[in-house]
């Protein structure tokens, strides 16, 4: 009878336990391979130099750890999928609604449009400059003192000379100061939610201004 010295675990057995050089698709596959390899080693062990019980126990403990991690990963994946599904259902309620999200564009179709700003600590003075495609300022609006928070705003679509601006997309710039120093502010664009998309990183809202944003980026819903 051919005998094999198994005083140290075979590389094949260790590879099975540590998931090296293998393409196991399930926990059961890993366990079955481990048992087959272990039984084969025990059948072919040298009677004068049998397997060390401590080694077998160690290998079983490694298998338990590996399968435990696999089960944990599977549970976490299921949990993440369930959370994402819940987020999708919640986000679907936003379809057809309008939102303010970070951005510096404002649309007009002859009657102006909506936009907004966010001031973390407020400001003593806020000035809005609306600019055309060439970067020239066509309208300046003084808003005075503003408290901290999200502030929805409207533009009547007129230029400084009282003439209606051409239909299209414009940029707006915010200058906010407090005690003579520049105050932090965030430009907010107004858009309608057209649809939602699921990505591995989470749910995205697809907006009418061709932007796709995270639900966490929504500052106000109308």
Protein backbone atom coordinates (compact mmCIF):
# COMPACT_ATOMS: atom_id res chain seq x y z
CA UNK A 1 0.00 0.00 0.00
CA UNK A 2 1.28 3.46 -0.91
CA UNK A 3 1.66 5.72 2.06
CA UNK A 4 1.94 9.47 2.30
CA UNK A 5 3.70 11.34 5.07
CA UNK A 6 1.13 13.85 6.35
CA UNK A 7 2.90 15.25 9.37
CA UNK A 8 2.28 18.63 7.74
CA UNK A 9 -0.92 19.52 5.87
CA UNK A 10 -0.78 19.21 2.10
CA UNK A 11 -0.76 22.38 0.01
CA UNK A 12 -3.96 21.25 -1.69
CA UNK A 13 -5.72 21.06 1.65
CA UNK A 14 -4.47 24.47 2.72
CA UNK A 15 -5.48 25.94 -0.65
CA UNK A 16 -8.96 24.55 -0.16
CA UNK A 17 -9.26 26.04 3.33
CA UNK A 18 -7.83 29.41 2.38
CA UNK A 19 -9.72 29.55 -0.92
CA UNK A 20 -6.53 29.81 -3.01
CA UNK A 21 -6.40 28.67 -6.65
CA UNK A 22 -10.08 27.78 -6.53
CA UNK A 23 -13.27 29.01 -8.08
CA UNK A 24 -15.72 27.78 -5.44
CA UNK A 25 -19.18 29.11 -5.99
CA UNK A 26 -20.74 28.16 -2.68
CA UNK A 27 -20.00 27.32 0.93
CA UNK A 28 -21.12 23.70 0.36
CA UNK A 29 -18.56 23.27 -2.44
CA UNK A 30 -15.78 24.46 -0.13
CA UNK A 31 -16.86 22.12 2.65
CA UNK A 32 -17.20 19.12 0.31
CA UNK A 33 -13.72 19.61 -1.14
CA UNK A 34 -12.27 19.96 2.32
CA UNK A 35 -13.87 16.73 3.56
CA UNK A 36 -12.79 14.79 0.47
CA UNK A 37 -9.19 15.96 0.80
CA UNK A 38 -9.15 15.25 4.53
CA UNK A 39 -10.58 11.73 4.09
CA UNK A 40 -8.06 11.00 1.31
CA UNK A 41 -5.18 12.08 3.52
CA UNK A 42 -6.43 9.98 6.42
CA UNK A 43 -6.79 6.88 4.21
CA UNK A 44 -3.28 7.26 2.86
CA UNK A 45 -1.52 8.36 6.00
CA UNK A 46 1.52 6.53 7.26
CA UNK A 47 0.41 4.33 10.19
CA UNK A 48 3.81 4.91 11.79
CA UNK A 49 3.45 8.67 11.40
CA UNK A 50 -0.28 9.47 11.62
CA UNK A 51 -1.82 12.89 11.22
CA UNK A 52 -1.50 15.13 14.23
CA UNK A 53 -4.87 15.72 15.92
CA UNK A 54 -3.87 19.31 16.57
CA UNK A 55 -3.30 19.85 12.83
CA UNK A 56 -6.70 18.39 11.96
CA UNK A 57 -8.36 20.58 14.59
CA UNK A 58 -6.53 23.66 13.25
CA UNK A 59 -7.63 22.91 9.69
CA UNK A 60 -11.24 22.43 10.82
CA UNK A 61 -11.07 25.77 12.63
CA UNK A 62 -9.77 27.44 9.47
CA UNK A 63 -12.63 25.94 7.48
CA UNK A 64 -15.12 27.21 10.05
CA UNK A 65 -13.62 30.69 9.79
CA UNK A 66 -13.75 30.70 5.99
CA UNK A 67 -17.33 29.43 5.80
CA UNK A 68 -18.34 31.86 8.53
CA UNK A 69 -16.93 34.77 6.51
CA UNK A 70 -18.70 33.51 3.39
CA UNK A 71 -22.00 33.36 5.27
CA UNK A 72 -21.43 36.86 6.68
CA UNK A 73 -20.67 38.22 3.21
CA UNK A 74 -23.82 36.59 1.87
CA UNK A 75 -25.90 38.06 4.67
CA UNK A 76 -24.43 41.54 4.15
CA UNK A 77 -25.04 41.34 0.40
CA UNK A 78 -28.68 40.43 1.01
CA UNK A 79 -29.02 43.27 3.52
CA UNK A 80 -27.48 45.79 1.12
CA UNK A 81 -29.78 44.64 -1.69
CA UNK A 82 -32.82 45.00 0.57
CA UNK A 83 -31.77 48.48 1.68
CA UNK A 84 -31.17 49.55 -1.92
CA UNK A 85 -34.57 48.18 -2.95
CA UNK A 86 -36.18 50.22 -0.18
CA UNK A 87 -34.31 53.32 -1.36
CA UNK A 88 -35.55 52.70 -4.90
CA UNK A 89 -39.16 52.56 -3.75
CA UNK A 90 -38.75 55.76 -1.76
CA UNK A 91 -36.94 57.55 -4.59
CA UNK A 92 -39.65 56.55 -7.08
CA UNK A 93 -42.02 58.85 -5.17
CA UNK A 94 -39.90 61.78 -6.40
CA UNK A 95 -40.61 61.10 -10.09
CA UNK A 96 -42.50 64.10 -11.44
CA UNK A 97 -41.51 66.29 -8.50
CA UNK A 98 -39.17 69.27 -8.76
CA UNK A 99 -36.02 69.57 -6.64
CA UNK A 100 -33.21 71.94 -5.78
CA UNK A 101 -29.77 70.32 -6.09
CA UNK A 102 -26.20 71.67 -6.31
CA UNK A 103 -25.68 73.42 -9.65
CA UNK A 104 -25.29 76.88 -11.16
CA UNK A 105 -27.69 76.86 -14.11
CA UNK A 106 -31.06 78.56 -14.48
CA UNK A 107 -33.51 78.11 -17.35
CA UNK A 108 -35.86 80.66 -18.89
CA UNK A 109 -38.54 80.33 -21.55
CA UNK A 110 -39.48 84.01 -21.59
CA UNK A 111 -40.78 84.12 -18.03
CA UNK A 112 -37.62 83.45 -16.05
CA UNK A 113 -37.07 80.45 -13.85
CA UNK A 114 -36.39 79.02 -10.42
CA UNK A 115 -33.09 78.47 -8.64
CA UNK A 116 -31.76 78.68 -5.11
CA UNK A 117 -28.83 79.09 -2.75
CA UNK A 118 -27.73 77.45 0.48
CA UNK A 119 -26.11 79.51 3.23
CA UNK A 120 -24.62 77.44 6.09
CA UNK A 121 -24.23 80.43 8.43
CA UNK A 122 -26.30 83.12 6.73
CA UNK A 123 -25.02 86.38 5.25
CA UNK A 124 -25.32 90.14 5.78
CA UNK A 125 -25.47 90.75 2.04
CA UNK A 126 -26.19 88.47 -0.92
CA UNK A 127 -25.80 89.47 -4.56
CA UNK A 128 -26.85 87.32 -7.53
CA UNK A 129 -25.31 87.82 -10.98
CA UNK A 130 -26.94 86.05 -13.93
CA UNK A 131 -24.62 85.52 -16.88
CA UNK A 132 -25.10 84.60 -20.52
CA UNK A 133 -23.14 82.06 -22.54
CA UNK A 134 -20.25 84.48 -23.08
CA UNK A 135 -19.87 85.09 -19.36
CA UNK A 136 -21.29 88.63 -19.47
CA UNK A 137 -23.54 89.66 -16.57
CA UNK A 138 -27.05 90.43 -17.85
CA UNK A 139 -28.80 90.87 -14.51
CA UNK A 140 -27.69 91.76 -10.99
CA UNK A 141 -30.05 91.25 -8.04
CA UNK A 142 -29.42 92.40 -4.48
CA UNK A 143 -31.07 90.14 -1.89
CA UNK A 144 -29.81 91.89 1.24
CA UNK A 145 -29.49 89.97 4.50
CA UNK A 146 -30.36 86.28 4.46
CA UNK A 147 -30.62 83.74 7.25
CA UNK A 148 -28.85 80.38 7.20
CA UNK A 149 -30.52 77.57 5.28
CA UNK A 150 -31.81 76.70 1.83
CA UNK A 151 -33.36 79.66 0.03
CA UNK A 152 -35.54 79.09 -3.09
CA UNK A 153 -35.36 82.05 -5.50
CA UNK A 154 -36.95 83.17 -8.77
CA UNK A 155 -35.74 85.20 -11.74
CA UNK A 156 -38.34 87.06 -13.77
CA UNK A 157 -36.38 86.48 -16.96
CA UNK A 158 -35.56 90.16 -17.47
CA UNK A 159 -32.15 91.72 -18.02
CA UNK A 160 -30.98 94.85 -16.22
CA UNK A 161 -32.37 97.00 -19.07
CA UNK A 162 -35.85 95.51 -18.60
CA UNK A 163 -35.74 93.49 -21.82
CA UNK A 164 -36.60 89.79 -21.61
CA UNK A 165 -33.59 87.52 -21.95
CA UNK A 166 -33.56 85.03 -24.80
CA UNK A 167 -34.92 81.58 -24.05
CA UNK A 168 -32.27 79.14 -22.90
CA UNK A 169 -29.88 78.23 -20.12
CA UNK A 170 -27.93 80.77 -18.07
CA UNK A 171 -25.38 80.62 -15.27
CA UNK A 172 -25.73 82.43 -11.97
CA UNK A 173 -23.06 83.55 -9.54
CA UNK A 174 -23.54 84.16 -5.82
CA UNK A 175 -21.58 86.72 -3.82
CA UNK A 176 -22.33 86.49 -0.10
CA UNK A 177 -20.57 88.38 2.68
CA UNK A 178 -20.80 88.51 6.45
CA UNK A 179 -19.07 91.24 8.46
CA UNK A 180 -17.29 92.25 5.27
CA UNK A 181 -15.85 88.79 4.67
CA UNK A 182 -16.86 86.25 2.06
CA UNK A 183 -19.54 83.88 3.40
CA UNK A 184 -19.84 80.25 2.35
CA UNK A 185 -22.64 79.54 -0.12
CA UNK A 186 -23.77 76.80 -2.50
CA UNK A 187 -25.55 77.39 -5.81
CA UNK A 188 -28.70 75.30 -6.33
CA UNK A 189 -30.33 74.45 -9.65
CA UNK A 190 -34.02 73.72 -10.10
CA UNK A 191 -35.06 70.64 -12.10
CA UNK A 192 -37.73 67.98 -12.39
CA UNK A 193 -37.07 64.33 -11.52
CA UNK A 194 -37.72 62.28 -14.68
CA UNK A 195 -36.67 58.80 -13.54
CA UNK A 196 -34.44 56.87 -11.15
CA UNK A 197 -31.58 54.45 -11.75
CA UNK A 198 -30.06 51.77 -9.53
CA UNK A 199 -26.26 51.59 -9.38
CA UNK A 200 -23.95 49.47 -7.20
CA UNK A 201 -23.19 52.66 -5.29
CA UNK A 202 -26.85 53.50 -4.72
CA UNK A 203 -29.87 55.19 -6.28
CA UNK A 204 -29.51 58.08 -8.73
CA UNK A 205 -32.14 60.65 -9.70
CA UNK A 206 -32.21 61.54 -13.41
CA UNK A 207 -33.19 65.20 -13.79
CA UNK A 208 -34.65 67.33 -16.56
CA UNK A 209 -31.40 69.33 -16.72
CA UNK A 210 -29.61 66.10 -17.81
CA UNK A 211 -27.93 65.67 -14.42
CA UNK A 212 -27.89 62.43 -12.40
CA UNK A 213 -27.51 62.99 -8.67
CA UNK A 214 -27.61 61.05 -5.40
CA UNK A 215 -30.77 61.36 -3.35
CA UNK A 216 -28.65 62.82 -0.55
CA UNK A 217 -27.85 65.80 -2.81
CA UNK A 218 -31.47 66.98 -2.84
CA UNK A 219 -31.78 70.18 -0.80
CA UNK A 220 -35.49 70.87 -1.26
CA UNK A 221 -38.46 69.14 -2.87
CA UNK A 222 -41.46 70.90 -4.45
